[in-house]
Amino acid sequence: RPRAGTVAADPRVLPIGTVLRIHPHRGLYTVLDTGSGLKGHKLDIYMPSCRKARAFGRRTVRVEIVSGPSLR
């Protein structure tokens, strides 16, 4: 189930368990889902409501990898 602090990502780019800092958001996010429609360098960021997700929309963000499984 989706919950605060989680994102879905393409596991070939960011494996499950990778911890990210997404700018301009504050706080840490963990990749906990593969998101069947996500390919390449795209993320699906958990938002607490549909209203907030629509307000955020689709945009380019900066991602900093904090820690995670061995990345190739």
PDB file of N, CA and C in Angstrom:
ATOM      1  N   ARG A   1       0.834  -1.195   0.000  1.00  0.00           N
ATOM      2  CA  ARG A   1       0.000   0.000   0.000  1.00  0.00           C
ATOM      3  C   ARG A   1       0.871   1.248   0.000  1.00  0.00           C
ATOM      4  N   PRO A   2       0.459   2.240  -0.761  1.00  0.00           N
ATOM      5  CA  PRO A   2       1.206   3.500  -0.752  1.00  0.00           C
ATOM      6  C   PRO A   2       1.122   4.175   0.611  1.00  0.00           C
ATOM      7  N   ARG A   3       2.172   4.843   0.982  1.00  0.00           N
ATOM      8  CA  ARG A   3       2.173   5.601   2.232  1.00  0.00           C
ATOM      9  C   ARG A   3       3.195   6.727   2.123  1.00  0.00           C
ATOM     10  N   ALA A   4       3.103   7.658   3.020  1.00  0.00           N
ATOM     11  CA  ALA A   4       3.998   8.819   3.010  1.00  0.00           C
ATOM     12  C   ALA A   4       5.459   8.371   2.974  1.00  0.00           C
ATOM     13  N   GLY A   5       6.246   9.077   2.199  1.00  0.00           N
ATOM     14  CA  GLY A   5       7.684   8.795   2.131  1.00  0.00           C
ATOM     15  C   GLY A   5       8.062   7.696   1.164  1.00  0.00           C
ATOM     16  N   THR A   6       7.128   7.303   0.282  1.00  0.00           N
ATOM     17  CA  THR A   6       7.455   6.245  -0.676  1.00  0.00           C
ATOM     18  C   THR A   6       7.364   6.757  -2.102  1.00  0.00           C
ATOM     19  N   VAL A   7       8.117   6.117  -2.976  1.00  0.00           N
ATOM     20  CA  VAL A   7       8.050   6.386  -4.408  1.00  0.00           C
ATOM     21  C   VAL A   7       8.095   5.067  -5.156  1.00  0.00           C
ATOM     22  N   ALA A   8       7.589   5.091  -6.376  1.00  0.00           N
ATOM     23  CA  ALA A   8       7.712   3.959  -7.282  1.00  0.00           C
ATOM     24  C   ALA A   8       8.718   4.359  -8.359  1.00  0.00           C
ATOM     25  N   ALA A   9       9.538   3.405  -8.794  1.00  0.00           N
ATOM     26  CA  ALA A   9      10.566   3.692  -9.793  1.00  0.00           C
ATOM     27  C   ALA A   9      10.850   2.447 -10.611  1.00  0.00           C
ATOM     28  N   ASP A  10      11.492   2.636 -11.748  1.00  0.00           N
ATOM     29  CA  ASP A  10      11.946   1.527 -12.577  1.00  0.00           C
ATOM     30  C   ASP A  10      13.077   0.831 -11.821  1.00  0.00           C
ATOM     31  N   PRO A  11      12.930  -0.457 -11.470  1.00  0.00           N
ATOM     32  CA  PRO A  11      13.956  -1.132 -10.664  1.00  0.00           C
ATOM     33  C   PRO A  11      15.293  -1.280 -11.379  1.00  0.00           C
ATOM     34  N   ARG A  12      15.322  -1.120 -12.698  1.00  0.00           N
ATOM     35  CA  ARG A  12      16.610  -1.164 -13.417  1.00  0.00           C
ATOM     36  C   ARG A  12      17.409   0.112 -13.187  1.00  0.00           C
ATOM     37  N   VAL A  13      16.719   1.183 -12.792  1.00  0.00           N
ATOM     38  CA  VAL A  13      17.377   2.467 -12.533  1.00  0.00           C
ATOM     39  C   VAL A  13      17.586   2.678 -11.035  1.00  0.00           C
ATOM     40  N   LEU A  14      16.521   2.465 -10.257  1.00  0.00           N
ATOM     41  CA  LEU A  14      16.581   2.619  -8.797  1.00  0.00           C
ATOM     42  C   LEU A  14      15.970   1.378  -8.149  1.00  0.00           C
ATOM     43  N   PRO A  15      16.796   0.484  -7.626  1.00  0.00           N
ATOM     44  CA  PRO A  15      16.289  -0.749  -7.013  1.00  0.00           C
ATOM     45  C   PRO A  15      15.434  -0.487  -5.765  1.00  0.00           C
ATOM     46  N   ILE A  16      14.557  -1.451  -5.468  1.00  0.00           N
ATOM     47  CA  ILE A  16      13.738  -1.399  -4.258  1.00  0.00           C
ATOM     48  C   ILE A  16      14.667  -1.208  -3.056  1.00  0.00           C
ATOM     49  N   GLY A  17      14.284  -0.312  -2.147  1.00  0.00           N
ATOM     50  CA  GLY A  17      15.077  -0.051  -0.951  1.00  0.00           C
ATOM     51  C   GLY A  17      15.995   1.153  -1.054  1.00  0.00           C
ATOM     52  N   THR A  18      16.114   1.741  -2.256  1.00  0.00           N
ATOM     53  CA  THR A  18      16.948   2.920  -2.422  1.00  0.00           C
ATOM     54  C   THR A  18      16.303   4.101  -1.702  1.00  0.00           C
ATOM     55  N   VAL A  19      17.103   4.847  -0.954  1.00  0.00           N
ATOM     56  CA  VAL A  19      16.610   6.021  -0.228  1.00  0.00           C
ATOM     57  C   VAL A  19      17.027   7.267  -1.005  1.00  0.00           C
ATOM     58  N   LEU A  20      16.040   8.154  -1.242  1.00  0.00           N
ATOM     59  CA  LEU A  20      16.259   9.341  -2.069  1.00  0.00           C
ATOM     60  C   LEU A  20      15.893  10.605  -1.315  1.00  0.00           C
ATOM     61  N   ARG A  21      16.521  11.696  -1.713  1.00  0.00           N
ATOM     62  CA  ARG A  21      16.074  13.027  -1.314  1.00  0.00           C
ATOM     63  C   ARG A  21      15.637  13.683  -2.621  1.00  0.00           C
ATOM     64  N   ILE A  22      14.383  14.106  -2.666  1.00  0.00           N
ATOM     65  CA  ILE A  22      13.831  14.696  -3.879  1.00  0.00           C
ATOM     66  C   ILE A  22      13.676  16.195  -3.655  1.00  0.00           C
ATOM     67  N   HIS A  23      14.327  16.980  -4.518  1.00  0.00           N
ATOM     68  CA  HIS A  23      14.267  18.439  -4.399  1.00  0.00           C
ATOM     69  C   HIS A  23      13.251  18.949  -5.406  1.00  0.00           C
ATOM     70  N   PRO A  24      12.317  19.757  -5.069  1.00  0.00           N
ATOM     71  CA  PRO A  24      12.272  20.687  -3.966  1.00  0.00           C
ATOM     72  C   PRO A  24      11.592  20.148  -2.709  1.00  0.00           C
ATOM     73  N   HIS A  25      11.158  18.893  -2.688  1.00  0.00           N
ATOM     74  CA  HIS A  25      10.526  18.333  -1.487  1.00  0.00           C
ATOM     75  C   HIS A  25      11.545  18.246  -0.361  1.00  0.00           C
ATOM     76  N   ARG A  26      11.056  18.224   0.835  1.00  0.00           N
ATOM     77  CA  ARG A  26      11.925  18.025   1.987  1.00  0.00           C
ATOM     78  C   ARG A  26      11.704  16.611   2.506  1.00  0.00           C
ATOM     79  N   GLY A  27      12.688  16.077   3.172  1.00  0.00           N
ATOM     80  CA  GLY A  27      12.552  14.743   3.725  1.00  0.00           C
ATOM     81  C   GLY A  27      13.094  13.671   2.803  1.00  0.00           C
ATOM     82  N   LEU A  28      13.017  12.443   3.275  1.00  0.00           N
ATOM     83  CA  LEU A  28      13.547  11.306   2.537  1.00  0.00           C
ATOM     84  C   LEU A  28      12.412  10.445   2.003  1.00  0.00           C
ATOM     85  N   TYR A  29      12.664   9.813   0.876  1.00  0.00           N
ATOM     86  CA  TYR A  29      11.709   8.913   0.242  1.00  0.00           C
ATOM     87  C   TYR A  29      12.414   7.599  -0.032  1.00  0.00           C
ATOM     88  N   THR A  30      11.674   6.496   0.060  1.00  0.00           N
ATOM     89  CA  THR A  30      12.234   5.169  -0.190  1.00  0.00           C
ATOM     90  C   THR A  30      11.506   4.532  -1.355  1.00  0.00           C
ATOM     91  N   VAL A  31      12.268   3.945  -2.273  1.00  0.00           N
ATOM     92  CA  VAL A  31      11.669   3.226  -3.402  1.00  0.00           C
ATOM     93  C   VAL A  31      11.119   1.918  -2.855  1.00  0.00           C
ATOM     94  N   LEU A  32       9.790   1.776  -2.863  1.00  0.00           N
ATOM     95  CA  LEU A  32       9.147   0.571  -2.346  1.00  0.00           C
ATOM     96  C   LEU A  32       8.205  -0.077  -3.357  1.00  0.00           C
ATOM     97  N   ASP A  33       8.179   0.441  -4.576  1.00  0.00           N
ATOM     98  CA  ASP A  33       7.280  -0.090  -5.592  1.00  0.00           C
ATOM     99  C   ASP A  33       7.960   0.044  -6.945  1.00  0.00           C
ATOM    100  N   THR A  34       7.586  -0.832  -7.882  1.00  0.00           N
ATOM    101  CA  THR A  34       8.193  -0.782  -9.204  1.00  0.00           C
ATOM    102  C   THR A  34       7.361   0.008 -10.202  1.00  0.00           C
ATOM    103  N   GLY A  35       6.094   0.227  -9.931  1.00  0.00           N
ATOM    104  CA  GLY A  35       5.276   1.024 -10.837  1.00  0.00           C
ATOM    105  C   GLY A  35       5.302   0.480 -12.238  1.00  0.00           C
ATOM    106  N   SER A  36       4.361  -0.343 -12.596  1.00  0.00           N
ATOM    107  CA  SER A  36       4.371  -1.060 -13.881  1.00  0.00           C
ATOM    108  C   SER A  36       4.514  -0.150 -15.092  1.00  0.00           C
ATOM    109  N   GLY A  37       4.042   1.084 -15.012  1.00  0.00           N
ATOM    110  CA  GLY A  37       4.131   1.993 -16.152  1.00  0.00           C
ATOM    111  C   GLY A  37       5.365   2.873 -16.140  1.00  0.00           C
ATOM    112  N   LEU A  38       6.221   2.709 -15.149  1.00  0.00           N
ATOM    113  CA  LEU A  38       7.398   3.570 -15.041  1.00  0.00           C
ATOM    114  C   LEU A  38       8.601   2.939 -15.731  1.00  0.00           C
ATOM    115  N   LYS A  39       9.129   3.644 -16.696  1.00  0.00           N
ATOM    116  CA  LYS A  39      10.312   3.184 -17.418  1.00  0.00           C
ATOM    117  C   LYS A  39      11.354   4.290 -17.403  1.00  0.00           C
ATOM    118  N   GLY A  40      12.592   3.915 -17.184  1.00  0.00           N
ATOM    119  CA  GLY A  40      13.674   4.892 -17.205  1.00  0.00           C
ATOM    120  C   GLY A  40      13.712   5.776 -15.976  1.00  0.00           C
ATOM    121  N   HIS A  41      14.010   7.030 -16.200  1.00  0.00           N
ATOM    122  CA  HIS A  41      14.236   7.977 -15.105  1.00  0.00           C
ATOM    123  C   HIS A  41      12.962   8.713 -14.699  1.00  0.00           C
ATOM    124  N   LYS A  42      11.922   7.964 -14.381  1.00  0.00           N
ATOM    125  CA  LYS A  42      10.666   8.548 -13.925  1.00  0.00           C
ATOM    126  C   LYS A  42      10.332   8.007 -12.545  1.00  0.00           C
ATOM    127  N   LEU A  43       9.700   8.843 -11.733  1.00  0.00           N
ATOM    128  CA  LEU A  43       9.286   8.451 -10.386  1.00  0.00           C
ATOM    129  C   LEU A  43       7.801   8.725 -10.228  1.00  0.00           C
ATOM    130  N   ASP A  44       7.181   7.956  -9.373  1.00  0.00           N
ATOM    131  CA  ASP A  44       5.813   8.211  -8.957  1.00  0.00           C
ATOM    132  C   ASP A  44       5.890   8.482  -7.457  1.00  0.00           C
ATOM    133  N   ILE A  45       5.768   9.752  -7.077  1.00  0.00           N
ATOM    134  CA  ILE A  45       5.922  10.169  -5.689  1.00  0.00           C
ATOM    135  C   ILE A  45       4.578  10.058  -4.981  1.00  0.00           C
ATOM    136  N   TYR A  46       4.567   9.441  -3.808  1.00  0.00           N
ATOM    137  CA  TYR A  46       3.331   9.357  -3.035  1.00  0.00           C
ATOM    138  C   TYR A  46       2.892  10.763  -2.628  1.00  0.00           C
ATOM    139  N   MET A  47       1.627  11.045  -2.839  1.00  0.00           N
ATOM    140  CA  MET A  47       1.008  12.294  -2.393  1.00  0.00           C
ATOM    141  C   MET A  47      -0.178  11.918  -1.506  1.00  0.00           C
ATOM    142  N   PRO A  48      -0.410  12.654  -0.418  1.00  0.00           N
ATOM    143  CA  PRO A  48      -1.461  12.282   0.526  1.00  0.00           C
ATOM    144  C   PRO A  48      -2.880  12.474   0.006  1.00  0.00           C
ATOM    145  N   SER A  49      -3.048  13.210  -1.082  1.00  0.00           N
ATOM    146  CA  SER A  49      -4.393  13.393  -1.620  1.00  0.00           C
ATOM    147  C   SER A  49      -4.321  13.629  -3.119  1.00  0.00           C
ATOM    148  N   CYS A  50      -5.423  13.376  -3.772  1.00  0.00           N
ATOM    149  CA  CYS A  50      -5.521  13.613  -5.209  1.00  0.00           C
ATOM    150  C   CYS A  50      -5.326  15.111  -5.496  1.00  0.00           C
ATOM    151  N   ARG A  51      -5.855  15.939  -4.639  1.00  0.00           N
ATOM    152  CA  ARG A  51      -5.739  17.395  -4.801  1.00  0.00           C
ATOM    153  C   ARG A  51      -4.277  17.831  -4.809  1.00  0.00           C
ATOM    154  N   LYS A  52      -3.488  17.302  -3.866  1.00  0.00           N
ATOM    155  CA  LYS A  52      -2.066  17.663  -3.814  1.00  0.00           C
ATOM    156  C   LYS A  52      -1.305  17.112  -5.021  1.00  0.00           C
ATOM    157  N   ALA A  53      -1.661  15.923  -5.450  1.00  0.00           N
ATOM    158  CA  ALA A  53      -1.008  15.334  -6.621  1.00  0.00           C
ATOM    159  C   ALA A  53      -1.286  16.171  -7.868  1.00  0.00           C
ATOM    160  N   ARG A  54      -2.523  16.593  -8.033  1.00  0.00           N
ATOM    161  CA  ARG A  54      -2.865  17.434  -9.189  1.00  0.00           C
ATOM    162  C   ARG A  54      -2.170  18.783  -9.119  1.00  0.00           C
ATOM    163  N   ALA A  55      -2.070  19.341  -7.924  1.00  0.00           N
ATOM    164  CA  ALA A  55      -1.394  20.626  -7.757  1.00  0.00           C
ATOM    165  C   ALA A  55       0.096  20.495  -8.097  1.00  0.00           C
ATOM    166  N   PHE A  56       0.696  19.375  -7.722  1.00  0.00           N
ATOM    167  CA  PHE A  56       2.119  19.141  -8.023  1.00  0.00           C
ATOM    168  C   PHE A  56       2.305  18.858  -9.507  1.00  0.00           C
ATOM    169  N   GLY A  57       1.405  18.043 -10.070  1.00  0.00           N
ATOM    170  CA  GLY A  57       1.467  17.722 -11.494  1.00  0.00           C
ATOM    171  C   GLY A  57       2.687  16.911 -11.878  1.00  0.00           C
ATOM    172  N   ARG A  58       3.018  16.974 -13.147  1.00  0.00           N
ATOM    173  CA  ARG A  58       4.237  16.332 -13.659  1.00  0.00           C
ATOM    174  C   ARG A  58       5.290  17.406 -13.800  1.00  0.00           C
ATOM    175  N   ARG A  59       6.454  17.111 -13.266  1.00  0.00           N
ATOM    176  CA  ARG A  59       7.534  18.083 -13.379  1.00  0.00           C
ATOM    177  C   ARG A  59       8.881  17.399 -13.232  1.00  0.00           C
ATOM    178  N   THR A  60       9.898  18.108 -13.603  1.00  0.00           N
ATOM    179  CA  THR A  60      11.263  17.633 -13.444  1.00  0.00           C
ATOM    180  C   THR A  60      11.730  18.002 -12.044  1.00  0.00           C
ATOM    181  N   VAL A  61      12.322  17.027 -11.348  1.00  0.00           N
ATOM    182  CA  VAL A  61      12.855  17.264 -10.006  1.00  0.00           C
ATOM    183  C   VAL A  61      14.296  16.776  -9.957  1.00  0.00           C
ATOM    184  N   ARG A  62      15.025  17.255  -8.985  1.00  0.00           N
ATOM    185  CA  ARG A  62      16.395  16.778  -8.757  1.00  0.00           C
ATOM    186  C   ARG A  62      16.346  15.686  -7.709  1.00  0.00           C
ATOM    187  N   VAL A  63      17.027  14.582  -7.974  1.00  0.00           N
ATOM    188  CA  VAL A  63      17.024  13.433  -7.063  1.00  0.00           C
ATOM    189  C   VAL A  63      18.450  13.180  -6.583  1.00  0.00           C
ATOM    190  N   GLU A  64      18.594  13.068  -5.279  1.00  0.00           N
ATOM    191  CA  GLU A  64      19.877  12.740  -4.665  1.00  0.00           C
ATOM    192  C   GLU A  64      19.749  11.364  -4.022  1.00  0.00           C
ATOM    193  N   ILE A  65      20.620  10.442  -4.390  1.00  0.00           N
ATOM    194  CA  ILE A  65      20.599   9.102  -3.803  1.00  0.00           C
ATOM    195  C   ILE A  65      21.349   9.165  -2.478  1.00  0.00           C
ATOM    196  N   VAL A  66      20.634   8.856  -1.398  1.00  0.00           N
ATOM    197  CA  VAL A  66      21.208   8.909  -0.062  1.00  0.00           C
ATOM    198  C   VAL A  66      21.853   7.573   0.277  1.00  0.00           C
ATOM    199  N   SER A  67      21.145   6.479   0.046  1.00  0.00           N
ATOM    200  CA  SER A  67      21.689   5.143   0.288  1.00  0.00           C
ATOM    201  C   SER A  67      20.828   4.129  -0.445  1.00  0.00           C
ATOM    202  N   GLY A  68      21.324   2.921  -0.512  1.00  0.00           N
ATOM    203  CA  GLY A  68      20.522   1.902  -1.153  1.00  0.00           C
ATOM    204  C   GLY A  68      21.324   0.676  -1.485  1.00  0.00           C
ATOM    205  N   PRO A  69      20.649  -0.282  -2.103  1.00  0.00           N
ATOM    206  CA  PRO A  69      21.333  -1.502  -2.523  1.00  0.00           C
ATOM    207  C   PRO A  69      22.406  -1.154  -3.556  1.00  0.00           C
ATOM    208  N   SER A  70      23.243  -2.078  -3.817  1.00  0.00           N
ATOM    209  CA  SER A  70      24.317  -1.876  -4.781  1.00  0.00           C
ATOM    210  C   SER A  70      23.731  -1.449  -6.117  1.00  0.00           C
ATOM    211  N   LEU A  71      24.114  -0.256  -6.573  1.00  0.00           N
ATOM    212  CA  LEU A  71      23.627   0.278  -7.847  1.00  0.00           C
ATOM    213  C   LEU A  71      24.647   0.000  -8.924  1.00  0.00           C
ATOM    214  N   ARG A  72      24.167  -0.467 -10.078  1.00  0.00           N
ATOM    215  CA  ARG A  72      25.071  -0.805 -11.191  1.00  0.00           C
ATOM    216  C   ARG A  72      25.408   0.421 -11.991  1.00  0.00           C
TER     217      ARG A  72
END
